[in-house]
Amino acid sequence: MTSVNSVSPLSTPSANFIAVDWGTTNLRAFLMNQHGQIQAQRSSAKGMLTLSSDEFEAVLADLLDDWLELGLPIYMAGMVGSRGGWQEVPYQTCPMSLDDLSNHLHWLNTSLPNQIAIVPGLQSQGVAGMADVMRGEETQLLGALDWLESHNLSCDERIFCLPGTHCKWVQIEQGQVMDFSTAITGELFARLNDESSLVKGLPHSDELQVQAFQKGLKASQQAGGIMHQLFSARSRYVCGELAAEEVRDYLSGIVIGHDVNDILLALSKPMNSVLIIGSKALNVRYQFALAEHNLNVDFMEAGEASIRGLKRLANLASNTSNLAKGK
């Protein structure tokens, strides 16, 4: 996967482009060479939610500072292109080749010397036939596709899982995103874990209680549905079947268990393996859940996938530009 060089404070002759991952709460920028290696990196807490549309350019200029120079294009992915972001960029409709994203980049008009592009999101139908959207994950998927190709691995017999606040489940065939479905898994658990009567007064722990989590996974496979099973987090504690420090991870097991169970049941064809693109902490939990279904699991860190995807987009866009110029 993407290698990381020592951080340098200034632009270097090997710099080829700037990759920007601009989400709801954070902004990260990477000075990259054409091989996808990081030459330097900078970050800010000024995510999309903290800014009005007329503030984005100044925030980016302040962060990049001496990286701003003619001939060094900037490629941005994430919520920066959403409604309420710098500029809303229309979704592209699936099925769509991930490489074709390079033909639909939205180039901004700014006062900065660099050319600046926003990667569009994708629109599809979920497993229930209702409209679904993603923004930012499409770039991670392109990075994952690039990594699979570099290892001579196929994407056709696996499903892609991008866990987080809103978990994405994606099917890709021959480099095309065919469809995807979103579950509010992370957001639901966060609400239950912070505000609900199910865990009120119970201790928090940074360490995963594996047995409790697996009990939750088993519960998610039982009759009664998620509403009944969620309440069992409280009732099993009150009745002495769960220790106080186990309840939150048991609850997590129920929520993630239903996420995994429901999507696998709804797939049009069975999958042999899953590629998880996310954080290491969530990867562990989803690996446990997917093991219940005897699926092989590979993992790619979400930040690495984004950077690798932006590297591929930058190279594709550069090749298209050179062809247009007759080089």
C-alpha atoms as a PDB file:
ATOM      1  CA  MET A   1       0.000   0.000   0.000  1.00  0.00           C
ATOM      2  CA  THR A   2       0.970   3.671   0.037  1.00  0.00           C
ATOM      3  CA  SER A   3       4.389   4.243   1.568  1.00  0.00           C
ATOM      4  CA  VAL A   4       5.087   7.252   3.767  1.00  0.00           C
ATOM      5  CA  ASN A   5       8.297   9.265   3.516  1.00  0.00           C
ATOM      6  CA  SER A   6       9.709  11.543   6.194  1.00  0.00           C
ATOM      7  CA  VAL A   7       7.834  14.819   6.427  1.00  0.00           C
ATOM      8  CA  SER A   8       9.397  17.855   4.761  1.00  0.00           C
ATOM      9  CA  PRO A   9       8.195  21.409   5.460  1.00  0.00           C
ATOM     10  CA  LEU A  10       8.556  22.665   1.885  1.00  0.00           C
ATOM     11  CA  SER A  11       7.680  21.661  -1.648  1.00  0.00           C
ATOM     12  CA  THR A  12      10.322  19.478  -3.283  1.00  0.00           C
ATOM     13  CA  PRO A  13      11.292  19.047  -6.960  1.00  0.00           C
ATOM     14  CA  SER A  14       9.710  15.574  -6.919  1.00  0.00           C
ATOM     15  CA  ALA A  15       6.285  16.946  -5.899  1.00  0.00           C
ATOM     16  CA  ASN A  16       3.704  16.090  -8.540  1.00  0.00           C
ATOM     17  CA  PHE A  17       0.352  17.077  -7.007  1.00  0.00           C
ATOM     18  CA  ILE A  18      -1.431  17.812  -3.735  1.00  0.00           C
ATOM     19  CA  ALA A  19      -4.028  15.387  -2.351  1.00  0.00           C
ATOM     20  CA  VAL A  20      -6.669  16.828  -0.035  1.00  0.00           C
ATOM     21  CA  ASP A  21      -9.104  14.810   2.067  1.00  0.00           C
ATOM     22  CA  TRP A  22     -11.671  17.337   3.341  1.00  0.00           C
ATOM     23  CA  GLY A  23     -14.333  15.789   5.535  1.00  0.00           C
ATOM     24  CA  THR A  24     -17.008  17.059   7.885  1.00  0.00           C
ATOM     25  CA  THR A  25     -14.671  17.549  10.865  1.00  0.00           C
ATOM     26  CA  ASN A  26     -11.094  17.445   9.542  1.00  0.00           C
ATOM     27  CA  LEU A  27      -8.938  18.650   6.670  1.00  0.00           C
ATOM     28  CA  ARG A  28      -5.788  16.789   5.616  1.00  0.00           C
ATOM     29  CA  ALA A  29      -3.386  17.731   2.806  1.00  0.00           C
ATOM     30  CA  PHE A  30      -0.542  15.665   1.345  1.00  0.00           C
ATOM     31  CA  LEU A  31       2.265  16.723  -0.980  1.00  0.00           C
ATOM     32  CA  MET A  32       2.647  13.753  -3.331  1.00  0.00           C
ATOM     33  CA  ASN A  33       4.950  12.468  -6.035  1.00  0.00           C
ATOM     34  CA  GLN A  34       3.674  10.615  -9.110  1.00  0.00           C
ATOM     35  CA  HIS A  35       4.248   7.237  -7.450  1.00  0.00           C
ATOM     36  CA  GLY A  36       1.833   8.032  -4.641  1.00  0.00           C
ATOM     37  CA  GLN A  37       4.490   8.617  -2.017  1.00  0.00           C
ATOM     38  CA  ILE A  38       3.890  11.320   0.574  1.00  0.00           C
ATOM     39  CA  GLN A  39       6.537  14.054   0.555  1.00  0.00           C
ATOM     40  CA  ALA A  40       4.920  16.124   3.325  1.00  0.00           C
ATOM     41  CA  GLN A  41       1.599  16.422   5.089  1.00  0.00           C
ATOM     42  CA  ARG A  42      -0.453  18.983   6.984  1.00  0.00           C
ATOM     43  CA  SER A  43      -3.790  18.903   8.786  1.00  0.00           C
ATOM     44  CA  SER A  44      -6.419  21.190  10.255  1.00  0.00           C
ATOM     45  CA  ALA A  45      -9.529  20.829  12.424  1.00  0.00           C
ATOM     46  CA  LYS A  46     -11.443  23.097  10.024  1.00  0.00           C
ATOM     47  CA  GLY A  47     -13.758  20.523   8.530  1.00  0.00           C
ATOM     48  CA  MET A  48     -16.699  21.264   6.259  1.00  0.00           C
ATOM     49  CA  LEU A  49     -19.184  21.660   9.118  1.00  0.00           C
ATOM     50  CA  THR A  50     -17.265  24.592  10.614  1.00  0.00           C
ATOM     51  CA  LEU A  51     -17.113  26.675   7.402  1.00  0.00           C
ATOM     52  CA  SER A  52     -19.352  28.714   5.142  1.00  0.00           C
ATOM     53  CA  SER A  53     -18.894  28.356   1.382  1.00  0.00           C
ATOM     54  CA  ASP A  54     -16.874  31.586   1.098  1.00  0.00           C
ATOM     55  CA  GLU A  55     -14.307  30.469   3.714  1.00  0.00           C
ATOM     56  CA  PHE A  56     -12.942  27.336   2.051  1.00  0.00           C
ATOM     57  CA  GLU A  57     -10.457  29.035  -0.261  1.00  0.00           C
ATOM     58  CA  ALA A  58      -8.853  31.070   2.542  1.00  0.00           C
ATOM     59  CA  VAL A  59      -8.642  28.039   4.846  1.00  0.00           C
ATOM     60  CA  LEU A  60      -6.962  25.964   2.136  1.00  0.00           C
ATOM     61  CA  ALA A  61      -4.554  28.778   1.248  1.00  0.00           C
ATOM     62  CA  ASP A  62      -3.595  29.213   4.897  1.00  0.00           C
ATOM     63  CA  LEU A  63      -2.941  25.491   5.337  1.00  0.00           C
ATOM     64  CA  LEU A  64      -0.979  24.961   2.110  1.00  0.00           C
ATOM     65  CA  ASP A  65       0.956  28.231   2.287  1.00  0.00           C
ATOM     66  CA  ASP A  66       4.318  27.612   0.535  1.00  0.00           C
ATOM     67  CA  TRP A  67       2.899  24.644  -1.382  1.00  0.00           C
ATOM     68  CA  LEU A  68       0.875  27.050  -3.513  1.00  0.00           C
ATOM     69  CA  GLU A  69       2.618  27.249  -6.869  1.00  0.00           C
ATOM     70  CA  LEU A  70       1.699  27.123 -10.533  1.00  0.00           C
ATOM     71  CA  GLY A  71       1.855  23.662 -12.073  1.00  0.00           C
ATOM     72  CA  LEU A  72       1.067  21.764  -8.863  1.00  0.00           C
ATOM     73  CA  PRO A  73      -2.598  20.665  -9.181  1.00  0.00           C
ATOM     74  CA  ILE A  74      -4.758  19.982  -6.138  1.00  0.00           C
ATOM     75  CA  TYR A  75      -7.238  17.085  -6.044  1.00  0.00           C
ATOM     76  CA  MET A  76      -9.833  17.157  -3.284  1.00  0.00           C
ATOM     77  CA  ALA A  77     -12.155  14.381  -2.112  1.00  0.00           C
ATOM     78  CA  GLY A  78     -14.781  14.182   0.608  1.00  0.00           C
ATOM     79  CA  MET A  79     -17.600  16.379   1.852  1.00  0.00           C
ATOM     80  CA  VAL A  80     -15.913  19.481   0.401  1.00  0.00           C
ATOM     81  CA  GLY A  81     -18.007  18.804  -2.723  1.00  0.00           C
ATOM     82  CA  SER A  82     -21.294  18.310  -0.886  1.00  0.00           C
ATOM     83  CA  ARG A  83     -24.225  20.649  -0.415  1.00  0.00           C
ATOM     84  CA  GLY A  84     -22.919  23.008   2.254  1.00  0.00           C
ATOM     85  CA  GLY A  85     -19.302  22.422   1.154  1.00  0.00           C
ATOM     86  CA  TRP A  86     -17.050  24.624  -0.955  1.00  0.00           C
ATOM     87  CA  GLN A  87     -19.126  23.954  -4.039  1.00  0.00           C
ATOM     88  CA  GLU A  88     -21.718  21.241  -4.616  1.00  0.00           C
ATOM     89  CA  VAL A  89     -20.550  18.788  -7.268  1.00  0.00           C
ATOM     90  CA  PRO A  90     -23.239  16.615  -8.907  1.00  0.00           C
ATOM     91  CA  TYR A  91     -23.219  12.888  -8.194  1.00  0.00           C
ATOM     92  CA  GLN A  92     -22.296  10.519 -11.009  1.00  0.00           C
ATOM     93  CA  THR A  93     -24.776   7.706 -11.627  1.00  0.00           C
ATOM     94  CA  CYS A  94     -23.871   4.030 -11.248  1.00  0.00           C
ATOM     95  CA  PRO A  95     -22.949   1.723 -12.842  1.00  0.00           C
ATOM     96  CA  MET A  96     -19.751   3.690 -13.354  1.00  0.00           C
ATOM     97  CA  SER A  97     -16.099   2.904 -13.918  1.00  0.00           C
ATOM     98  CA  LEU A  98     -14.036   4.233 -11.047  1.00  0.00           C
ATOM     99  CA  ASP A  99     -11.335   5.351 -13.469  1.00  0.00           C
ATOM    100  CA  ASP A 100     -13.934   7.481 -15.271  1.00  0.00           C
ATOM    101  CA  LEU A 101     -14.099   9.724 -12.218  1.00  0.00           C
ATOM    102  CA  SER A 102     -11.059  11.458 -13.701  1.00  0.00           C
ATOM    103  CA  ASN A 103     -13.248  12.609 -16.612  1.00  0.00           C
ATOM    104  CA  HIS A 104     -15.789  14.181 -14.270  1.00  0.00           C
ATOM    105  CA  LEU A 105     -13.553  16.186 -11.962  1.00  0.00           C
ATOM    106  CA  HIS A 106     -15.011  19.585 -11.103  1.00  0.00           C
ATOM    107  CA  TRP A 107     -12.378  22.307 -11.580  1.00  0.00           C
ATOM    108  CA  LEU A 108     -12.867  25.369  -9.378  1.00  0.00           C
ATOM    109  CA  ASN A 109     -12.352  29.017 -10.281  1.00  0.00           C
ATOM    110  CA  THR A 110     -10.155  30.490  -7.527  1.00  0.00           C
ATOM    111  CA  SER A 111      -7.559  33.187  -6.976  1.00  0.00           C
ATOM    112  CA  LEU A 112      -4.928  30.569  -6.072  1.00  0.00           C
ATOM    113  CA  PRO A 113      -2.121  29.712  -8.538  1.00  0.00           C
ATOM    114  CA  ASN A 114      -2.839  25.974  -8.378  1.00  0.00           C
ATOM    115  CA  GLN A 115      -5.529  24.262 -10.425  1.00  0.00           C
ATOM    116  CA  ILE A 116      -8.029  22.765  -7.957  1.00  0.00           C
ATOM    117  CA  ALA A 117     -10.426  19.881  -8.662  1.00  0.00           C
ATOM    118  CA  ILE A 118     -13.132  18.206  -6.561  1.00  0.00           C
ATOM    119  CA  VAL A 119     -13.896  14.515  -7.085  1.00  0.00           C
ATOM    120  CA  PRO A 120     -17.633  13.884  -7.631  1.00  0.00           C
ATOM    121  CA  GLY A 121     -19.594  11.468  -5.477  1.00  0.00           C
ATOM    122  CA  LEU A 122     -21.701   8.555  -6.710  1.00  0.00           C
ATOM    123  CA  GLN A 123     -25.433   7.894  -6.788  1.00  0.00           C
ATOM    124  CA  SER A 124     -26.999   4.451  -6.976  1.00  0.00           C
ATOM    125  CA  GLN A 125     -29.847   2.333  -5.675  1.00  0.00           C
ATOM    126  CA  GLY A 126     -29.498   0.368  -2.457  1.00  0.00           C
ATOM    127  CA  VAL A 127     -30.602  -3.211  -1.952  1.00  0.00           C
ATOM    128  CA  ALA A 128     -34.178  -2.050  -1.256  1.00  0.00           C
ATOM    129  CA  GLY A 129     -34.331  -0.147  -4.558  1.00  0.00           C
ATOM    130  CA  MET A 130     -34.191   3.287  -2.922  1.00  0.00           C
ATOM    131  CA  ALA A 131     -31.794   6.087  -3.861  1.00  0.00           C
ATOM    132  CA  ASP A 132     -28.389   5.971  -2.176  1.00  0.00           C
ATOM    133  CA  VAL A 133     -25.378   8.302  -2.309  1.00  0.00           C
ATOM    134  CA  MET A 134     -21.714   8.444  -1.325  1.00  0.00           C
ATOM    135  CA  ARG A 135     -19.126  11.203  -1.293  1.00  0.00           C
ATOM    136  CA  GLY A 136     -15.485  10.528  -0.472  1.00  0.00           C
ATOM    137  CA  GLU A 137     -15.813   6.750  -0.416  1.00  0.00           C
ATOM    138  CA  GLU A 138     -15.594   6.610  -4.221  1.00  0.00           C
ATOM    139  CA  THR A 139     -11.985   7.810  -3.975  1.00  0.00           C
ATOM    140  CA  GLN A 140     -11.213   5.172  -1.330  1.00  0.00           C
ATOM    141  CA  LEU A 141     -12.722   2.515  -3.606  1.00  0.00           C
ATOM    142  CA  LEU A 142     -10.482   3.651  -6.474  1.00  0.00           C
ATOM    143  CA  GLY A 143      -7.484   3.361  -4.147  1.00  0.00           C
ATOM    144  CA  ALA A 144      -8.588  -0.126  -3.113  1.00  0.00           C
ATOM    145  CA  LEU A 145      -9.012  -1.114  -6.761  1.00  0.00           C
ATOM    146  CA  ASP A 146      -5.499   0.167  -7.479  1.00  0.00           C
ATOM    147  CA  TRP A 147      -4.119  -1.885  -4.592  1.00  0.00           C
ATOM    148  CA  LEU A 148      -5.943  -5.053  -5.712  1.00  0.00           C
ATOM    149  CA  GLU A 149      -4.642  -4.666  -9.258  1.00  0.00           C
ATOM    150  CA  SER A 150      -1.084  -4.206  -7.985  1.00  0.00           C
ATOM    151  CA  HIS A 151      -1.430  -7.581  -6.224  1.00  0.00           C
ATOM    152  CA  ASN A 152      -3.158  -9.268  -9.202  1.00  0.00           C
ATOM    153  CA  LEU A 153      -6.339  -9.715  -7.185  1.00  0.00           C
ATOM    154  CA  SER A 154      -9.869  -9.529  -8.599  1.00  0.00           C
ATOM    155  CA  CYS A 155     -12.586  -7.263  -7.262  1.00  0.00           C
ATOM    156  CA  ASP A 156     -15.433  -9.281  -8.792  1.00  0.00           C
ATOM    157  CA  GLU A 157     -15.797 -11.980  -6.131  1.00  0.00           C
ATOM    158  CA  ARG A 158     -15.725  -9.749  -3.087  1.00  0.00           C
ATOM    159  CA  ILE A 159     -17.869  -7.092  -1.514  1.00  0.00           C
ATOM    160  CA  PHE A 160     -16.359  -3.856  -0.245  1.00  0.00           C
ATOM    161  CA  CYS A 161     -17.245  -2.703   3.248  1.00  0.00           C
ATOM    162  CA  LEU A 162     -16.512   0.885   4.350  1.00  0.00           C
ATOM    163  CA  PRO A 163     -17.559   1.029   8.017  1.00  0.00           C
ATOM    164  CA  GLY A 164     -17.999   4.272   9.865  1.00  0.00           C
ATOM    165  CA  THR A 165     -20.750   6.692  10.799  1.00  0.00           C
ATOM    166  CA  HIS A 166     -22.582   5.546   7.681  1.00  0.00           C
ATOM    167  CA  CYS A 167     -21.360   2.129   6.570  1.00  0.00           C
ATOM    168  CA  LYS A 168     -21.182   1.542   2.817  1.00  0.00           C
ATOM    169  CA  TRP A 169     -21.466  -1.883   1.187  1.00  0.00           C
ATOM    170  CA  VAL A 170     -20.309  -1.813  -2.451  1.00  0.00           C
ATOM    171  CA  GLN A 171     -20.295  -4.277  -5.345  1.00  0.00           C
ATOM    172  CA  ILE A 172     -17.696  -3.729  -8.068  1.00  0.00           C
ATOM    173  CA  GLU A 173     -17.393  -5.669 -11.323  1.00  0.00           C
ATOM    174  CA  GLN A 174     -14.543  -5.156 -13.802  1.00  0.00           C
ATOM    175  CA  GLY A 175     -13.672  -1.839 -12.211  1.00  0.00           C
ATOM    176  CA  GLN A 176     -17.263  -0.557 -12.271  1.00  0.00           C
ATOM    177  CA  VAL A 177     -19.278   0.305  -9.183  1.00  0.00           C
ATOM    178  CA  MET A 178     -22.506  -1.555  -9.918  1.00  0.00           C
ATOM    179  CA  ASP A 179     -24.454  -0.538  -6.821  1.00  0.00           C
ATOM    180  CA  PHE A 180     -24.043   0.157  -3.122  1.00  0.00           C
ATOM    181  CA  SER A 181     -26.079   0.347   0.069  1.00  0.00           C
ATOM    182  CA  THR A 182     -25.650   2.537   3.145  1.00  0.00           C
ATOM    183  CA  ALA A 183     -26.469   1.672   6.769  1.00  0.00           C
ATOM    184  CA  ILE A 184     -26.333   4.220   9.605  1.00  0.00           C
ATOM    185  CA  THR A 185     -24.546   1.670  11.780  1.00  0.00           C
ATOM    186  CA  GLY A 186     -21.979   3.943  13.408  1.00  0.00           C
ATOM    187  CA  GLU A 187     -24.399   6.799  13.989  1.00  0.00           C
ATOM    188  CA  LEU A 188     -27.010   4.490  15.527  1.00  0.00           C
ATOM    189  CA  PHE A 189     -24.503   2.944  17.908  1.00  0.00           C
ATOM    190  CA  ALA A 190     -23.113   6.365  18.864  1.00  0.00           C
ATOM    191  CA  ARG A 191     -26.588   7.595  19.794  1.00  0.00           C
ATOM    192  CA  LEU A 192     -27.414   4.482  21.773  1.00  0.00           C
ATOM    193  CA  ASN A 193     -24.014   4.469  23.447  1.00  0.00           C
ATOM    194  CA  ASP A 194     -24.149   8.130  24.466  1.00  0.00           C
ATOM    195  CA  GLU A 195     -27.787   8.948  25.151  1.00  0.00           C
ATOM    196  CA  SER A 196     -29.906   5.846  25.666  1.00  0.00           C
ATOM    197  CA  SER A 197     -31.294   4.272  28.827  1.00  0.00           C
ATOM    198  CA  LEU A 198     -29.677   1.003  27.712  1.00  0.00           C
ATOM    199  CA  VAL A 199     -26.239   2.112  28.956  1.00  0.00           C
ATOM    200  CA  LYS A 200     -27.046   4.922  31.374  1.00  0.00           C
ATOM    201  CA  GLY A 201     -24.643   4.893  34.324  1.00  0.00           C
ATOM    202  CA  LEU A 202     -22.519   2.065  32.944  1.00  0.00           C
ATOM    203  CA  PRO A 203     -18.728   2.356  32.556  1.00  0.00           C
ATOM    204  CA  HIS A 204     -16.857   3.077  29.333  1.00  0.00           C
ATOM    205  CA  SER A 205     -13.820   1.074  28.259  1.00  0.00           C
ATOM    206  CA  ASP A 206     -11.280   1.593  25.483  1.00  0.00           C
ATOM    207  CA  GLU A 207     -10.595  -2.134  25.350  1.00  0.00           C
ATOM    208  CA  LEU A 208     -12.924  -4.350  23.334  1.00  0.00           C
ATOM    209  CA  GLN A 209     -14.739  -6.904  25.496  1.00  0.00           C
ATOM    210  CA  VAL A 210     -14.515  -9.670  22.921  1.00  0.00           C
ATOM    211  CA  GLN A 211     -16.835 -12.195  24.577  1.00  0.00           C
ATOM    212  CA  ALA A 212     -19.516  -9.557  25.146  1.00  0.00           C
ATOM    213  CA  PHE A 213     -19.241  -8.369  21.542  1.00  0.00           C
ATOM    214  CA  GLN A 214     -19.578 -11.941  20.284  1.00  0.00           C
ATOM    215  CA  LYS A 215     -22.644 -12.430  22.495  1.00  0.00           C
ATOM    216  CA  GLY A 216     -24.130  -9.428  20.726  1.00  0.00           C
ATOM    217  CA  LEU A 217     -23.317 -10.960  17.344  1.00  0.00           C
ATOM    218  CA  LYS A 218     -25.062 -14.179  18.353  1.00  0.00           C
ATOM    219  CA  ALA A 219     -28.071 -12.221  19.623  1.00  0.00           C
ATOM    220  CA  SER A 220     -28.366 -10.432  16.248  1.00  0.00           C
ATOM    221  CA  GLN A 221     -28.962 -13.817  14.623  1.00  0.00           C
ATOM    222  CA  GLN A 222     -31.862 -14.744  16.906  1.00  0.00           C
ATOM    223  CA  ALA A 223     -35.585 -14.208  16.422  1.00  0.00           C
ATOM    224  CA  GLY A 224     -37.309 -11.027  17.516  1.00  0.00           C
ATOM    225  CA  GLY A 225     -35.615  -8.384  15.387  1.00  0.00           C
ATOM    226  CA  ILE A 226     -33.242  -5.569  16.216  1.00  0.00           C
ATOM    227  CA  MET A 227     -35.667  -3.567  18.372  1.00  0.00           C
ATOM    228  CA  HIS A 228     -36.182  -6.468  20.761  1.00  0.00           C
ATOM    229  CA  GLN A 229     -32.522  -7.417  20.753  1.00  0.00           C
ATOM    230  CA  LEU A 230     -31.362  -3.883  21.539  1.00  0.00           C
ATOM    231  CA  PHE A 231     -33.400  -3.875  24.735  1.00  0.00           C
ATOM    232  CA  SER A 232     -31.734  -7.136  25.757  1.00  0.00           C
ATOM    233  CA  ALA A 233     -28.581  -5.098  26.447  1.00  0.00           C
ATOM    234  CA  ARG A 234     -30.402  -3.619  29.430  1.00  0.00           C
ATOM    235  CA  SER A 235     -32.387  -6.639  30.501  1.00  0.00           C
ATOM    236  CA  ARG A 236     -29.445  -9.043  30.375  1.00  0.00           C
ATOM    237  CA  TYR A 237     -27.437  -6.649  32.550  1.00  0.00           C
ATOM    238  CA  VAL A 238     -30.265  -6.221  35.062  1.00  0.00           C
ATOM    239  CA  CYS A 239     -30.732  -9.997  35.220  1.00  0.00           C
ATOM    240  CA  GLY A 240     -27.010 -10.612  35.750  1.00  0.00           C
ATOM    241  CA  GLU A 241     -26.189 -12.126  32.337  1.00  0.00           C
ATOM    242  CA  LEU A 242     -23.874  -9.257  31.422  1.00  0.00           C
ATOM    243  CA  ALA A 243     -21.349  -7.432  33.594  1.00  0.00           C
ATOM    244  CA  ALA A 244     -21.519  -3.630  33.672  1.00  0.00           C
ATOM    245  CA  GLU A 245     -18.352  -3.261  31.583  1.00  0.00           C
ATOM    246  CA  GLU A 246     -19.707  -5.660  28.928  1.00  0.00           C
ATOM    247  CA  VAL A 247     -22.974  -3.944  28.011  1.00  0.00           C
ATOM    248  CA  ARG A 248     -21.621  -1.381  25.525  1.00  0.00           C
ATOM    249  CA  ASP A 249     -19.687  -3.928  23.482  1.00  0.00           C
ATOM    250  CA  TYR A 250     -22.637  -6.323  23.590  1.00  0.00           C
ATOM    251  CA  LEU A 251     -24.746  -3.498  22.156  1.00  0.00           C
ATOM    252  CA  SER A 252     -22.094  -2.892  19.489  1.00  0.00           C
ATOM    253  CA  GLY A 253     -22.232  -6.565  18.561  1.00  0.00           C
ATOM    254  CA  ILE A 254     -25.987  -6.386  18.016  1.00  0.00           C
ATOM    255  CA  VAL A 255     -25.779  -3.282  15.810  1.00  0.00           C
ATOM    256  CA  ILE A 256     -22.831  -4.453  13.697  1.00  0.00           C
ATOM    257  CA  GLY A 257     -24.223  -7.974  13.578  1.00  0.00           C
ATOM    258  CA  HIS A 258     -27.457  -6.716  12.010  1.00  0.00           C
ATOM    259  CA  ASP A 259     -25.519  -4.544   9.568  1.00  0.00           C
ATOM    260  CA  VAL A 260     -23.568  -7.575   8.330  1.00  0.00           C
ATOM    261  CA  ASN A 261     -26.438 -10.091   8.489  1.00  0.00           C
ATOM    262  CA  ASP A 262     -28.899  -7.885   6.638  1.00  0.00           C
ATOM    263  CA  ILE A 263     -26.606  -6.897   3.771  1.00  0.00           C
ATOM    264  CA  LEU A 264     -25.347 -10.428   3.152  1.00  0.00           C
ATOM    265  CA  LEU A 265     -28.919 -11.712   3.088  1.00  0.00           C
ATOM    266  CA  ALA A 266     -29.908  -9.067   0.542  1.00  0.00           C
ATOM    267  CA  LEU A 267     -27.037  -9.599  -1.920  1.00  0.00           C
ATOM    268  CA  SER A 268     -28.076 -10.854  -5.336  1.00  0.00           C
ATOM    269  CA  LYS A 269     -25.188 -13.302  -5.440  1.00  0.00           C
ATOM    270  CA  PRO A 270     -22.986 -14.802  -2.707  1.00  0.00           C
ATOM    271  CA  MET A 271     -19.533 -13.340  -2.069  1.00  0.00           C
ATOM    272  CA  ASN A 272     -16.430 -15.271  -1.025  1.00  0.00           C
ATOM    273  CA  SER A 273     -14.523 -12.430   0.598  1.00  0.00           C
ATOM    274  CA  VAL A 274     -14.735  -8.873   1.886  1.00  0.00           C
ATOM    275  CA  LEU A 275     -12.322  -5.963   1.641  1.00  0.00           C
ATOM    276  CA  ILE A 276     -12.792  -3.635   4.601  1.00  0.00           C
ATOM    277  CA  ILE A 277     -11.716  -0.024   4.074  1.00  0.00           C
ATOM    278  CA  GLY A 278     -11.740   1.794   7.386  1.00  0.00           C
ATOM    279  CA  SER A 279     -10.078   2.157  10.768  1.00  0.00           C
ATOM    280  CA  LYS A 280      -8.215  -0.639  12.519  1.00  0.00           C
ATOM    281  CA  ALA A 281     -10.610  -0.527  15.486  1.00  0.00           C
ATOM    282  CA  LEU A 282     -13.695  -1.031  13.328  1.00  0.00           C
ATOM    283  CA  ASN A 283     -11.890  -3.609  11.216  1.00  0.00           C
ATOM    284  CA  VAL A 284     -11.525  -5.881  14.255  1.00  0.00           C
ATOM    285  CA  ARG A 285     -15.239  -5.714  15.018  1.00  0.00           C
ATOM    286  CA  TYR A 286     -16.315  -6.318  11.425  1.00  0.00           C
ATOM    287  CA  GLN A 287     -13.862  -9.201  11.113  1.00  0.00           C
ATOM    288  CA  PHE A 288     -15.553 -10.910  14.052  1.00  0.00           C
ATOM    289  CA  ALA A 289     -18.971 -10.320  12.491  1.00  0.00           C
ATOM    290  CA  LEU A 290     -17.933 -11.560   9.053  1.00  0.00           C
ATOM    291  CA  ALA A 291     -16.262 -14.634  10.565  1.00  0.00           C
ATOM    292  CA  GLU A 292     -19.750 -15.716  11.647  1.00  0.00           C
ATOM    293  CA  HIS A 293     -20.439 -16.131   7.917  1.00  0.00           C
ATOM    294  CA  ASN A 294     -17.109 -17.829   7.089  1.00  0.00           C
ATOM    295  CA  LEU A 295     -15.953 -15.019   4.792  1.00  0.00           C
ATOM    296  CA  ASN A 296     -12.326 -14.170   4.036  1.00  0.00           C
ATOM    297  CA  VAL A 297     -11.412 -10.611   5.043  1.00  0.00           C
ATOM    298  CA  ASP A 298      -8.717  -8.217   3.810  1.00  0.00           C
ATOM    299  CA  PHE A 299      -8.177  -4.755   5.285  1.00  0.00           C
ATOM    300  CA  MET A 300      -7.027  -1.406   3.929  1.00  0.00           C
ATOM    301  CA  GLU A 301      -6.749   1.704   6.096  1.00  0.00           C
ATOM    302  CA  ALA A 302      -9.172   4.403   4.902  1.00  0.00           C
ATOM    303  CA  GLY A 303      -6.582   7.200   4.739  1.00  0.00           C
ATOM    304  CA  GLU A 304      -4.225   5.090   2.654  1.00  0.00           C
ATOM    305  CA  ALA A 305      -7.074   4.184   0.307  1.00  0.00           C
ATOM    306  CA  SER A 306      -7.981   7.870  -0.184  1.00  0.00           C
ATOM    307  CA  ILE A 307      -4.402   8.873  -0.932  1.00  0.00           C
ATOM    308  CA  ARG A 308      -3.909   5.979  -3.327  1.00  0.00           C
ATOM    309  CA  GLY A 309      -7.184   6.830  -5.067  1.00  0.00           C
ATOM    310  CA  LEU A 310      -6.221  10.489  -5.467  1.00  0.00           C
ATOM    311  CA  LYS A 311      -2.821   9.418  -6.815  1.00  0.00           C
ATOM    312  CA  ARG A 312      -4.519   7.326  -9.495  1.00  0.00           C
ATOM    313  CA  LEU A 313      -6.923  10.141 -10.368  1.00  0.00           C
ATOM    314  CA  ALA A 314      -4.049  12.617 -10.620  1.00  0.00           C
ATOM    315  CA  ASN A 315      -2.110  10.339 -12.957  1.00  0.00           C
ATOM    316  CA  LEU A 316      -5.199   9.650 -15.096  1.00  0.00           C
ATOM    317  CA  ALA A 317      -6.014  13.366 -15.324  1.00  0.00           C
ATOM    318  CA  SER A 318      -2.405  14.181 -16.199  1.00  0.00           C
ATOM    319  CA  ASN A 319      -2.367  11.546 -18.945  1.00  0.00           C
ATOM    320  CA  THR A 320      -5.620  12.910 -20.394  1.00  0.00           C
ATOM    321  CA  SER A 321      -4.213  16.446 -20.352  1.00  0.00           C
ATOM    322  CA  ASN A 322      -0.995  15.373 -22.056  1.00  0.00           C
ATOM    323  CA  LEU A 323      -2.931  13.517 -24.762  1.00  0.00           C
ATOM    324  CA  ALA A 324      -5.044  16.604 -25.382  1.00  0.00           C
ATOM    325  CA  LYS A 325      -1.867  18.650 -25.814  1.00  0.00           C
ATOM    326  CA  GLY A 326      -0.415  16.046 -28.191  1.00  0.00           C
ATOM    327  CA  LYS A 327       2.454  15.028 -25.882  1.00  0.00           C
END
